[in-house]
Amino acid sequence: MKIVVAEPLGISKEKLDMLAQPLRQAGYDFVAYEDRAADTKQMTDRIADADVVIIANQPLPGGVITACDRLKLLSVAFTGVDHVDLAACKAKNILVCNAAGYSTNAVAELTFGLAISVIRNIVPCDARCRSCGTKDGLIEFELYGKTFGVVGTGAIGSRVAQIAQAFGCRVIASSRTEKQELKDAGVEYVSLATLLQSADFVSLHVPLTEATRNLIDAQAVAMMKPGAVLLNTSRGPVIDSEAVAAALNDGRLGGAGIDVFENEPPIASEHPLCSAKNTVLTPHVAFASREALEKRAEIVFANIKCWLEGKPQNIIR
């Protein structure tokens, strides 16, 4: 049996060797690549004869999957799997597992890093300080006492809600499934429309599906409270970037903190959010703390172990 790590997992070689050791000792052929495939042909060459493949967030289109005649398990070192052609996996009867939960704290913490960077002008303040300037014109507002809206209360959204309460915010949420423990803690569930109309901060924590694609479009932006701050650490296509940029530039939105885009960074300098006012952008880094990357590597190797034992976990398909 051949097991291939098709792209780097962001962990040290020592950590990777430790995780791979039981597989090697069991006699499995183990290969790990230290760079991302340049194109679909190179990706196909890497995994065409593999029985088990580990990927992170590099796209895995149907053409590549179709070429993998031996592939039985795809262990995805990511929570979302919208970059994988699941229909092709289903057609080939390939089991797909993810690494849900590895980045809960990392993403939640960066959400507030973005929020505070926007409302306290941290990036402009840094530039001002380095050019012998002062705080004049850079004084903004606090999180404390504001209404913080959380869209999607899965593991990450729930953690964001808890942290927002610790900052002294009133927290409202909109989600397909309501959590009693959040209600008991004082989180109020409302409709998405009510959340958009009421929240000073709108923080997105939903997977990318056909139902959530362009969830925050021009119509949704028009519903948002004037001066509100939009935070997106979920998936890029959940928002209409052009509509959000237009609302930022005309002053309807007070700011935005964005970690995800329609495509993986690097993004083009012409991207509408790159020139939008009062916007802090990060290159899809929310999930990527040292602790989170090690945890997700442990999970994807555990997925393989459980599958080999006939007890697969974290099943997506």
C-alpha atoms as a PDB file:
ATOM      1  CA  MET A   1       0.000   0.000   0.000  1.00  0.00           C
ATOM      2  CA  LYS A   2       1.264   3.445  -0.927  1.00  0.00           C
ATOM      3  CA  ILE A   3       0.543   6.537   1.169  1.00  0.00           C
ATOM      4  CA  VAL A   4       1.345   9.955  -0.298  1.00  0.00           C
ATOM      5  CA  VAL A   5       1.437  13.350   1.393  1.00  0.00           C
ATOM      6  CA  ALA A   6       0.907  15.373  -1.764  1.00  0.00           C
ATOM      7  CA  GLU A   7       1.802  18.808  -0.393  1.00  0.00           C
ATOM      8  CA  PRO A   8       3.532  20.270   2.691  1.00  0.00           C
ATOM      9  CA  LEU A   9       1.543  20.229   5.929  1.00  0.00           C
ATOM     10  CA  GLY A  10       3.400  23.142   7.530  1.00  0.00           C
ATOM     11  CA  ILE A  11       5.073  21.022  10.207  1.00  0.00           C
ATOM     12  CA  SER A  12       8.708  20.177  10.891  1.00  0.00           C
ATOM     13  CA  LYS A  13      10.399  17.212   9.256  1.00  0.00           C
ATOM     14  CA  GLU A  14      10.867  15.714  12.721  1.00  0.00           C
ATOM     15  CA  LYS A  15       7.125  15.907  13.429  1.00  0.00           C
ATOM     16  CA  LEU A  16       6.290  14.417  10.032  1.00  0.00           C
ATOM     17  CA  ASP A  17       8.747  11.560  10.539  1.00  0.00           C
ATOM     18  CA  MET A  18       7.270  10.831  13.957  1.00  0.00           C
ATOM     19  CA  LEU A  19       3.739  10.653  12.537  1.00  0.00           C
ATOM     20  CA  ALA A  20       4.833   8.533   9.586  1.00  0.00           C
ATOM     21  CA  GLN A  21       6.935   6.097  11.604  1.00  0.00           C
ATOM     22  CA  PRO A  22       4.096   3.655  12.465  1.00  0.00           C
ATOM     23  CA  LEU A  23       3.115   3.464   8.800  1.00  0.00           C
ATOM     24  CA  ARG A  24       6.668   2.797   7.689  1.00  0.00           C
ATOM     25  CA  GLN A  25       7.125   0.197  10.420  1.00  0.00           C
ATOM     26  CA  ALA A  26       3.976  -1.532   9.185  1.00  0.00           C
ATOM     27  CA  GLY A  27       5.619  -1.872   5.780  1.00  0.00           C
ATOM     28  CA  TYR A  28       3.678   0.749   3.882  1.00  0.00           C
ATOM     29  CA  ASP A  29       5.334   2.761   1.126  1.00  0.00           C
ATOM     30  CA  PHE A  30       5.310   6.355   2.421  1.00  0.00           C
ATOM     31  CA  VAL A  31       6.124   9.410   0.280  1.00  0.00           C
ATOM     32  CA  ALA A  32       5.900  13.062   1.369  1.00  0.00           C
ATOM     33  CA  TYR A  33       6.435  16.001  -0.990  1.00  0.00           C
ATOM     34  CA  GLU A  34       8.037  19.194   0.264  1.00  0.00           C
ATOM     35  CA  ASP A  35       6.388  21.540  -2.242  1.00  0.00           C
ATOM     36  CA  ARG A  36       3.011  22.035  -3.855  1.00  0.00           C
ATOM     37  CA  ALA A  37       2.360  20.561  -7.276  1.00  0.00           C
ATOM     38  CA  ALA A  38       2.788  23.174  -9.983  1.00  0.00           C
ATOM     39  CA  ASP A  39      -0.241  21.996 -11.970  1.00  0.00           C
ATOM     40  CA  THR A  40      -2.778  19.195 -12.258  1.00  0.00           C
ATOM     41  CA  LYS A  41      -0.390  17.049 -14.332  1.00  0.00           C
ATOM     42  CA  GLN A  42       2.238  17.130 -11.598  1.00  0.00           C
ATOM     43  CA  MET A  43      -0.400  16.402  -8.963  1.00  0.00           C
ATOM     44  CA  THR A  44      -1.616  13.435 -11.020  1.00  0.00           C
ATOM     45  CA  ASP A  45       1.934  12.147 -11.356  1.00  0.00           C
ATOM     46  CA  ARG A  46       2.348  12.326  -7.589  1.00  0.00           C
ATOM     47  CA  ILE A  47      -0.766  10.453  -6.558  1.00  0.00           C
ATOM     48  CA  ALA A  48      -1.879   8.319  -9.522  1.00  0.00           C
ATOM     49  CA  ASP A  49      -0.592   5.090  -7.935  1.00  0.00           C
ATOM     50  CA  ALA A  50      -1.441   5.948  -4.319  1.00  0.00           C
ATOM     51  CA  ASP A  51      -3.901   4.052  -2.136  1.00  0.00           C
ATOM     52  CA  VAL A  52      -4.077   6.841   0.436  1.00  0.00           C
ATOM     53  CA  VAL A  53      -3.489  10.552  -0.162  1.00  0.00           C
ATOM     54  CA  ILE A  54      -3.120  13.445   2.256  1.00  0.00           C
ATOM     55  CA  ILE A  55      -3.692  16.956   0.908  1.00  0.00           C
ATOM     56  CA  ALA A  56      -4.195  20.320   2.583  1.00  0.00           C
ATOM     57  CA  ASN A  57      -5.916  23.071   0.596  1.00  0.00           C
ATOM     58  CA  GLN A  58      -4.505  22.484  -2.881  1.00  0.00           C
ATOM     59  CA  PRO A  59      -7.406  21.950  -5.311  1.00  0.00           C
ATOM     60  CA  LEU A  60      -8.073  18.359  -6.317  1.00  0.00           C
ATOM     61  CA  PRO A  61     -10.233  18.428  -9.459  1.00  0.00           C
ATOM     62  CA  GLY A  62     -12.163  15.535 -10.901  1.00  0.00           C
ATOM     63  CA  GLY A  63      -9.669  14.894 -13.675  1.00  0.00           C
ATOM     64  CA  VAL A  64      -6.936  14.131 -11.181  1.00  0.00           C
ATOM     65  CA  ILE A  65      -9.200  11.952  -9.049  1.00  0.00           C
ATOM     66  CA  THR A  66     -10.395   9.997 -12.084  1.00  0.00           C
ATOM     67  CA  ALA A  67      -6.798   9.140 -12.927  1.00  0.00           C
ATOM     68  CA  CYS A  68      -6.231   7.583  -9.487  1.00  0.00           C
ATOM     69  CA  ASP A  69      -7.289   3.975  -9.993  1.00  0.00           C
ATOM     70  CA  ARG A  70      -5.954   2.755  -6.630  1.00  0.00           C
ATOM     71  CA  LEU A  71      -7.072   5.615  -4.418  1.00  0.00           C
ATOM     72  CA  LYS A  72      -9.261   4.465  -1.531  1.00  0.00           C
ATOM     73  CA  LEU A  73      -8.843   7.173   1.130  1.00  0.00           C
ATOM     74  CA  LEU A  74      -8.381  10.930   0.861  1.00  0.00           C
ATOM     75  CA  SER A  75      -7.434  12.482   4.202  1.00  0.00           C
ATOM     76  CA  VAL A  76      -7.834  16.251   3.919  1.00  0.00           C
ATOM     77  CA  ALA A  77      -5.787  18.429   6.255  1.00  0.00           C
ATOM     78  CA  PHE A  78      -8.464  21.078   6.289  1.00  0.00           C
ATOM     79  CA  THR A  79     -11.960  21.598   7.663  1.00  0.00           C
ATOM     80  CA  GLY A  80     -13.647  22.615   4.416  1.00  0.00           C
ATOM     81  CA  VAL A  81     -13.426  20.308   1.403  1.00  0.00           C
ATOM     82  CA  ASP A  82     -14.894  22.585  -1.269  1.00  0.00           C
ATOM     83  CA  HIS A  83     -11.547  22.356  -3.103  1.00  0.00           C
ATOM     84  CA  VAL A  84     -12.085  18.624  -3.660  1.00  0.00           C
ATOM     85  CA  ASP A  85     -14.373  17.220  -6.367  1.00  0.00           C
ATOM     86  CA  LEU A  86     -16.558  15.116  -4.092  1.00  0.00           C
ATOM     87  CA  ALA A  87     -18.705  13.903  -6.971  1.00  0.00           C
ATOM     88  CA  ALA A  88     -15.619  12.362  -8.569  1.00  0.00           C
ATOM     89  CA  CYS A  89     -14.705  10.777  -5.233  1.00  0.00           C
ATOM     90  CA  LYS A  90     -18.193   9.318  -4.949  1.00  0.00           C
ATOM     91  CA  ALA A  91     -17.991   7.915  -8.480  1.00  0.00           C
ATOM     92  CA  LYS A  92     -14.696   6.187  -7.591  1.00  0.00           C
ATOM     93  CA  ASN A  93     -15.956   5.114  -4.142  1.00  0.00           C
ATOM     94  CA  ILE A  94     -13.174   7.053  -2.415  1.00  0.00           C
ATOM     95  CA  LEU A  95     -13.635   7.750   1.282  1.00  0.00           C
ATOM     96  CA  VAL A  96     -13.000  11.405   2.166  1.00  0.00           C
ATOM     97  CA  CYS A  97     -12.123  12.472   5.723  1.00  0.00           C
ATOM     98  CA  ASN A  98     -11.287  15.944   6.989  1.00  0.00           C
ATOM     99  CA  ALA A  99      -9.538  17.493   9.994  1.00  0.00           C
ATOM    100  CA  ALA A 100     -12.442  19.263  11.642  1.00  0.00           C
ATOM    101  CA  GLY A 101     -11.647  21.160  14.815  1.00  0.00           C
ATOM    102  CA  TYR A 102      -7.922  21.633  14.407  1.00  0.00           C
ATOM    103  CA  SER A 103      -8.031  25.396  13.892  1.00  0.00           C
ATOM    104  CA  THR A 104     -10.892  26.495  16.132  1.00  0.00           C
ATOM    105  CA  ASN A 105      -8.774  28.653  18.439  1.00  0.00           C
ATOM    106  CA  ALA A 106      -6.469  29.906  15.687  1.00  0.00           C
ATOM    107  CA  VAL A 107      -9.302  31.170  13.474  1.00  0.00           C
ATOM    108  CA  ALA A 108     -11.257  32.633  16.372  1.00  0.00           C
ATOM    109  CA  GLU A 109      -8.212  34.539  17.614  1.00  0.00           C
ATOM    110  CA  LEU A 110      -7.386  35.983  14.203  1.00  0.00           C
ATOM    111  CA  THR A 111     -11.008  37.052  13.826  1.00  0.00           C
ATOM    112  CA  PHE A 112     -10.510  39.389  16.750  1.00  0.00           C
ATOM    113  CA  GLY A 113      -7.064  40.371  15.557  1.00  0.00           C
ATOM    114  CA  LEU A 114      -8.722  41.597  12.368  1.00  0.00           C
ATOM    115  CA  ALA A 115     -11.576  43.261  14.245  1.00  0.00           C
ATOM    116  CA  ILE A 116      -9.266  45.210  16.533  1.00  0.00           C
ATOM    117  CA  SER A 117      -6.907  46.075  13.689  1.00  0.00           C
ATOM    118  CA  VAL A 118      -9.817  47.623  11.812  1.00  0.00           C
ATOM    119  CA  ILE A 119     -11.488  49.544  14.628  1.00  0.00           C
ATOM    120  CA  ARG A 120      -8.281  50.773  16.267  1.00  0.00           C
ATOM    121  CA  ASN A 121      -6.483  51.569  12.982  1.00  0.00           C
ATOM    122  CA  ILE A 122      -3.486  49.450  13.938  1.00  0.00           C
ATOM    123  CA  VAL A 123      -2.023  49.283  10.421  1.00  0.00           C
ATOM    124  CA  PRO A 124      -2.295  53.054   9.806  1.00  0.00           C
ATOM    125  CA  CYS A 125      -1.059  53.710  13.349  1.00  0.00           C
ATOM    126  CA  ASP A 126       2.020  51.606  12.702  1.00  0.00           C
ATOM    127  CA  ALA A 127       2.756  53.514   9.498  1.00  0.00           C
ATOM    128  CA  ARG A 128       2.130  56.856  11.243  1.00  0.00           C
ATOM    129  CA  CYS A 129       4.468  55.969  14.099  1.00  0.00           C
ATOM    130  CA  ARG A 130       7.241  54.946  11.719  1.00  0.00           C
ATOM    131  CA  SER A 131       6.971  58.269   9.885  1.00  0.00           C
ATOM    132  CA  CYS A 132       7.236  60.488  12.984  1.00  0.00           C
ATOM    133  CA  GLY A 133       3.466  61.037  13.108  1.00  0.00           C
ATOM    134  CA  THR A 134       0.832  61.131  15.851  1.00  0.00           C
ATOM    135  CA  LYS A 135      -2.587  59.607  16.540  1.00  0.00           C
ATOM    136  CA  ASP A 136      -4.421  62.578  14.996  1.00  0.00           C
ATOM    137  CA  GLY A 137      -7.301  61.358  12.845  1.00  0.00           C
ATOM    138  CA  LEU A 138      -6.831  57.715  13.832  1.00  0.00           C
ATOM    139  CA  ILE A 139      -9.019  57.510  16.928  1.00  0.00           C
ATOM    140  CA  GLU A 140     -11.887  55.034  16.510  1.00  0.00           C
ATOM    141  CA  PHE A 141     -14.103  52.890  18.759  1.00  0.00           C
ATOM    142  CA  GLU A 142     -14.085  49.918  21.127  1.00  0.00           C
ATOM    143  CA  LEU A 143     -15.492  46.396  20.962  1.00  0.00           C
ATOM    144  CA  TYR A 144     -16.937  46.732  24.460  1.00  0.00           C
ATOM    145  CA  GLY A 145     -20.691  47.282  24.507  1.00  0.00           C
ATOM    146  CA  LYS A 146     -21.186  46.644  20.798  1.00  0.00           C
ATOM    147  CA  THR A 147     -23.487  44.076  19.193  1.00  0.00           C
ATOM    148  CA  PHE A 148     -21.413  41.278  17.690  1.00  0.00           C
ATOM    149  CA  GLY A 149     -23.149  39.107  15.083  1.00  0.00           C
ATOM    150  CA  VAL A 150     -21.922  35.572  14.430  1.00  0.00           C
ATOM    151  CA  VAL A 151     -23.103  33.876  11.245  1.00  0.00           C
ATOM    152  CA  GLY A 152     -22.675  30.130  11.696  1.00  0.00           C
ATOM    153  CA  THR A 153     -22.196  28.656  15.165  1.00  0.00           C
ATOM    154  CA  GLY A 154     -20.177  25.560  14.488  1.00  0.00           C
ATOM    155  CA  ALA A 155     -17.039  25.029  16.547  1.00  0.00           C
ATOM    156  CA  ILE A 156     -15.313  28.193  15.326  1.00  0.00           C
ATOM    157  CA  GLY A 157     -18.389  30.395  15.406  1.00  0.00           C
ATOM    158  CA  SER A 158     -19.167  29.213  18.929  1.00  0.00           C
ATOM    159  CA  ARG A 159     -15.657  30.069  20.088  1.00  0.00           C
ATOM    160  CA  VAL A 160     -15.933  33.503  18.467  1.00  0.00           C
ATOM    161  CA  ALA A 161     -19.219  34.078  20.298  1.00  0.00           C
ATOM    162  CA  GLN A 162     -17.574  33.202  23.622  1.00  0.00           C
ATOM    163  CA  ILE A 163     -14.642  35.541  23.015  1.00  0.00           C
ATOM    164  CA  ALA A 164     -16.957  38.361  21.930  1.00  0.00           C
ATOM    165  CA  GLN A 165     -18.808  38.011  25.218  1.00  0.00           C
ATOM    166  CA  ALA A 166     -15.486  38.188  27.069  1.00  0.00           C
ATOM    167  CA  PHE A 167     -14.869  41.515  25.330  1.00  0.00           C
ATOM    168  CA  GLY A 168     -18.171  42.747  26.740  1.00  0.00           C
ATOM    169  CA  CYS A 169     -20.204  42.503  23.553  1.00  0.00           C
ATOM    170  CA  ARG A 170     -23.851  41.602  23.214  1.00  0.00           C
ATOM    171  CA  VAL A 171     -23.745  38.555  20.946  1.00  0.00           C
ATOM    172  CA  ILE A 172     -26.407  37.605  18.440  1.00  0.00           C
ATOM    173  CA  ALA A 173     -26.162  34.674  16.064  1.00  0.00           C
ATOM    174  CA  SER A 174     -27.728  33.208  12.962  1.00  0.00           C
ATOM    175  CA  SER A 175     -27.165  29.547  12.207  1.00  0.00           C
ATOM    176  CA  ARG A 176     -28.796  26.535  10.623  1.00  0.00           C
ATOM    177  CA  THR A 177     -28.532  24.754  13.974  1.00  0.00           C
ATOM    178  CA  GLU A 178     -28.934  26.527  17.295  1.00  0.00           C
ATOM    179  CA  LYS A 179     -26.796  25.486  20.264  1.00  0.00           C
ATOM    180  CA  GLN A 180     -28.441  25.352  23.654  1.00  0.00           C
ATOM    181  CA  GLU A 181     -25.156  25.956  25.466  1.00  0.00           C
ATOM    182  CA  LEU A 182     -24.757  29.278  23.658  1.00  0.00           C
ATOM    183  CA  LYS A 183     -28.333  30.238  24.458  1.00  0.00           C
ATOM    184  CA  ASP A 184     -27.714  29.382  28.097  1.00  0.00           C
ATOM    185  CA  ALA A 185     -24.649  31.644  28.000  1.00  0.00           C
ATOM    186  CA  GLY A 186     -26.725  34.566  26.725  1.00  0.00           C
ATOM    187  CA  VAL A 187     -26.285  34.358  22.957  1.00  0.00           C
ATOM    188  CA  GLU A 188     -29.494  35.327  21.162  1.00  0.00           C
ATOM    189  CA  TYR A 189     -30.358  33.525  17.928  1.00  0.00           C
ATOM    190  CA  VAL A 190     -32.030  35.687  15.288  1.00  0.00           C
ATOM    191  CA  SER A 191     -32.681  35.560  11.560  1.00  0.00           C
ATOM    192  CA  LEU A 192     -29.866  36.548   9.216  1.00  0.00           C
ATOM    193  CA  ALA A 193     -31.797  39.643   8.193  1.00  0.00           C
ATOM    194  CA  THR A 194     -32.192  40.746  11.811  1.00  0.00           C
ATOM    195  CA  LEU A 195     -28.513  40.086  12.482  1.00  0.00           C
ATOM    196  CA  LEU A 196     -27.410  42.165   9.496  1.00  0.00           C
ATOM    197  CA  GLN A 197     -29.676  45.025  10.515  1.00  0.00           C
ATOM    198  CA  SER A 198     -28.621  44.993  14.180  1.00  0.00           C
ATOM    199  CA  ALA A 199     -24.942  44.020  14.409  1.00  0.00           C
ATOM    200  CA  ASP A 200     -22.015  46.411  14.713  1.00  0.00           C
ATOM    201  CA  PHE A 201     -19.791  43.491  13.692  1.00  0.00           C
ATOM    202  CA  VAL A 202     -20.783  40.698  11.311  1.00  0.00           C
ATOM    203  CA  SER A 203     -18.420  37.716  11.550  1.00  0.00           C
ATOM    204  CA  LEU A 204     -18.787  34.881   9.025  1.00  0.00           C
ATOM    205  CA  HIS A 205     -18.147  31.252  10.017  1.00  0.00           C
ATOM    206  CA  VAL A 206     -20.017  29.126   7.489  1.00  0.00           C
ATOM    207  CA  PRO A 207     -18.810  26.472   5.033  1.00  0.00           C
ATOM    208  CA  LEU A 208     -18.923  27.193   1.320  1.00  0.00           C
ATOM    209  CA  THR A 209     -22.027  25.582  -0.176  1.00  0.00           C
ATOM    210  CA  GLU A 210     -24.439  26.618  -2.883  1.00  0.00           C
ATOM    211  CA  ALA A 211     -26.597  28.065  -0.106  1.00  0.00           C
ATOM    212  CA  THR A 212     -23.769  30.220   1.309  1.00  0.00           C
ATOM    213  CA  ARG A 213     -22.079  31.305  -1.933  1.00  0.00           C
ATOM    214  CA  ASN A 214     -22.464  35.112  -2.148  1.00  0.00           C
ATOM    215  CA  LEU A 215     -24.353  35.040   1.140  1.00  0.00           C
ATOM    216  CA  ILE A 216     -23.184  38.602   1.691  1.00  0.00           C
ATOM    217  CA  ASP A 217     -24.099  40.121  -1.669  1.00  0.00           C
ATOM    218  CA  ALA A 218     -25.157  43.654  -2.567  1.00  0.00           C
ATOM    219  CA  GLN A 219     -28.625  43.092  -1.108  1.00  0.00           C
ATOM    220  CA  ALA A 220     -27.228  41.760   2.165  1.00  0.00           C
ATOM    221  CA  VAL A 221     -24.713  44.599   2.394  1.00  0.00           C
ATOM    222  CA  ALA A 222     -27.547  47.099   1.926  1.00  0.00           C
ATOM    223  CA  MET A 223     -29.288  45.546   4.940  1.00  0.00           C
ATOM    224  CA  MET A 224     -26.269  45.928   7.203  1.00  0.00           C
ATOM    225  CA  LYS A 225     -26.188  48.573   9.886  1.00  0.00           C
ATOM    226  CA  PRO A 226     -24.437  51.722   8.604  1.00  0.00           C
ATOM    227  CA  GLY A 227     -20.847  51.761   9.811  1.00  0.00           C
ATOM    228  CA  ALA A 228     -20.791  48.032  10.579  1.00  0.00           C
ATOM    229  CA  VAL A 229     -17.580  46.021  10.316  1.00  0.00           C
ATOM    230  CA  LEU A 230     -17.542  42.815   8.242  1.00  0.00           C
ATOM    231  CA  LEU A 231     -15.182  39.966   9.183  1.00  0.00           C
ATOM    232  CA  ASN A 232     -14.633  36.958   6.927  1.00  0.00           C
ATOM    233  CA  THR A 233     -12.406  34.087   8.031  1.00  0.00           C
ATOM    234  CA  SER A 234     -14.596  31.375   6.472  1.00  0.00           C
ATOM    235  CA  ARG A 235     -14.455  31.089   2.678  1.00  0.00           C
ATOM    236  CA  GLY A 236     -13.859  33.807   0.115  1.00  0.00           C
ATOM    237  CA  PRO A 237     -16.873  33.210  -2.136  1.00  0.00           C
ATOM    238  CA  VAL A 238     -19.230  33.605   0.833  1.00  0.00           C
ATOM    239  CA  ILE A 239     -19.042  37.345   0.121  1.00  0.00           C
ATOM    240  CA  ASP A 240     -19.406  39.358  -3.071  1.00  0.00           C
ATOM    241  CA  SER A 241     -16.090  41.191  -2.943  1.00  0.00           C
ATOM    242  CA  GLU A 242     -17.127  43.892  -5.393  1.00  0.00           C
ATOM    243  CA  ALA A 243     -20.300  44.693  -3.466  1.00  0.00           C
ATOM    244  CA  VAL A 244     -18.412  44.787  -0.162  1.00  0.00           C
ATOM    245  CA  ALA A 245     -15.642  46.976  -1.619  1.00  0.00           C
ATOM    246  CA  ALA A 246     -18.197  49.409  -3.029  1.00  0.00           C
ATOM    247  CA  ALA A 247     -19.903  49.714   0.364  1.00  0.00           C
ATOM    248  CA  LEU A 248     -16.549  50.306   2.063  1.00  0.00           C
ATOM    249  CA  ASN A 249     -15.536  52.962  -0.424  1.00  0.00           C
ATOM    250  CA  ASP A 250     -18.812  54.879  -0.206  1.00  0.00           C
ATOM    251  CA  GLY A 251     -18.712  54.750   3.600  1.00  0.00           C
ATOM    252  CA  ARG A 252     -21.777  52.555   4.162  1.00  0.00           C
ATOM    253  CA  LEU A 253     -19.610  49.903   5.825  1.00  0.00           C
ATOM    254  CA  GLY A 254     -17.237  51.076   8.515  1.00  0.00           C
ATOM    255  CA  GLY A 255     -14.528  48.530   7.796  1.00  0.00           C
ATOM    256  CA  ALA A 256     -13.657  44.952   6.935  1.00  0.00           C
ATOM    257  CA  GLY A 257     -11.195  42.314   8.020  1.00  0.00           C
ATOM    258  CA  ILE A 258     -10.773  39.677   5.325  1.00  0.00           C
ATOM    259  CA  ASP A 259      -8.626  36.533   5.429  1.00  0.00           C
ATOM    260  CA  VAL A 260     -10.105  34.571   2.521  1.00  0.00           C
ATOM    261  CA  PHE A 261     -10.694  35.275  -1.135  1.00  0.00           C
ATOM    262  CA  GLU A 262     -12.206  33.692  -4.237  1.00  0.00           C
ATOM    263  CA  ASN A 263      -8.835  32.103  -4.959  1.00  0.00           C
ATOM    264  CA  GLU A 264      -5.906  31.199  -2.759  1.00  0.00           C
ATOM    265  CA  PRO A 265      -3.363  34.018  -2.276  1.00  0.00           C
ATOM    266  CA  PRO A 266      -1.452  35.570  -3.803  1.00  0.00           C
ATOM    267  CA  ILE A 267      -4.371  37.663  -4.998  1.00  0.00           C
ATOM    268  CA  ALA A 268      -4.111  40.170  -7.845  1.00  0.00           C
ATOM    269  CA  SER A 269      -3.359  43.763  -6.873  1.00  0.00           C
ATOM    270  CA  GLU A 270      -6.474  44.694  -8.854  1.00  0.00           C
ATOM    271  CA  HIS A 271      -8.719  42.736  -6.481  1.00  0.00           C
ATOM    272  CA  PRO A 272     -11.460  45.163  -5.368  1.00  0.00           C
ATOM    273  CA  LEU A 273     -10.716  44.700  -1.675  1.00  0.00           C
ATOM    274  CA  CYS A 274      -7.074  45.697  -2.139  1.00  0.00           C
ATOM    275  CA  SER A 275      -8.115  49.305  -2.721  1.00  0.00           C
ATOM    276  CA  ALA A 276     -11.131  49.369  -0.398  1.00  0.00           C
ATOM    277  CA  LYS A 277     -11.153  51.857   2.464  1.00  0.00           C
ATOM    278  CA  ASN A 278     -10.508  50.817   6.071  1.00  0.00           C
ATOM    279  CA  THR A 279      -9.811  47.216   5.162  1.00  0.00           C
ATOM    280  CA  VAL A 280      -7.274  44.844   6.717  1.00  0.00           C
ATOM    281  CA  LEU A 281      -6.351  41.862   4.543  1.00  0.00           C
ATOM    282  CA  THR A 282      -4.472  38.716   5.529  1.00  0.00           C
ATOM    283  CA  PRO A 283      -3.409  35.920   3.118  1.00  0.00           C
ATOM    284  CA  HIS A 284      -5.570  33.031   4.382  1.00  0.00           C
ATOM    285  CA  VAL A 285      -3.535  32.664   7.533  1.00  0.00           C
ATOM    286  CA  ALA A 286      -6.278  32.351  10.160  1.00  0.00           C
ATOM    287  CA  PHE A 287      -5.961  28.573  10.426  1.00  0.00           C
ATOM    288  CA  ALA A 288      -2.169  28.546  10.339  1.00  0.00           C
ATOM    289  CA  SER A 289      -0.850  28.782  13.861  1.00  0.00           C
ATOM    290  CA  ARG A 290       1.970  26.435  14.816  1.00  0.00           C
ATOM    291  CA  GLU A 291      -0.293  24.634  17.254  1.00  0.00           C
ATOM    292  CA  ALA A 292      -3.112  24.245  14.733  1.00  0.00           C
ATOM    293  CA  LEU A 293      -0.867  22.916  11.960  1.00  0.00           C
ATOM    294  CA  GLU A 294       0.554  20.265  14.254  1.00  0.00           C
ATOM    295  CA  LYS A 295      -2.911  19.312  15.461  1.00  0.00           C
ATOM    296  CA  ARG A 296      -4.291  18.928  11.927  1.00  0.00           C
ATOM    297  CA  ALA A 297      -1.323  16.748  10.927  1.00  0.00           C
ATOM    298  CA  GLU A 298      -2.049  14.520  13.897  1.00  0.00           C
ATOM    299  CA  ILE A 299      -5.706  14.310  12.856  1.00  0.00           C
ATOM    300  CA  VAL A 300      -5.073  13.360   9.219  1.00  0.00           C
ATOM    301  CA  PHE A 301      -2.650  10.619  10.256  1.00  0.00           C
ATOM    302  CA  ALA A 302      -5.161   9.433  12.860  1.00  0.00           C
ATOM    303  CA  ASN A 303      -7.737   9.305  10.037  1.00  0.00           C
ATOM    304  CA  ILE A 304      -5.488   6.822   8.225  1.00  0.00           C
ATOM    305  CA  LYS A 305      -4.918   4.754  11.361  1.00  0.00           C
ATOM    306  CA  CYS A 306      -8.643   4.535  12.087  1.00  0.00           C
ATOM    307  CA  TRP A 307      -9.410   3.625   8.478  1.00  0.00           C
ATOM    308  CA  LEU A 308      -6.804   0.853   8.509  1.00  0.00           C
ATOM    309  CA  GLU A 309      -8.443  -0.476  11.678  1.00  0.00           C
ATOM    310  CA  GLY A 310     -11.850  -0.481   9.993  1.00  0.00           C
ATOM    311  CA  LYS A 311     -13.169   2.411  12.097  1.00  0.00           C
ATOM    312  CA  PRO A 312     -12.960   5.504   9.861  1.00  0.00           C
ATOM    313  CA  GLN A 313     -13.479   8.912  11.490  1.00  0.00           C
ATOM    314  CA  ASN A 314     -14.188  12.486  10.346  1.00  0.00           C
ATOM    315  CA  ILE A 315     -16.043  11.147   7.307  1.00  0.00           C
ATOM    316  CA  ILE A 316     -17.173  13.748   4.769  1.00  0.00           C
ATOM    317  CA  ARG A 317     -18.094  11.321   2.005  1.00  0.00           C
END
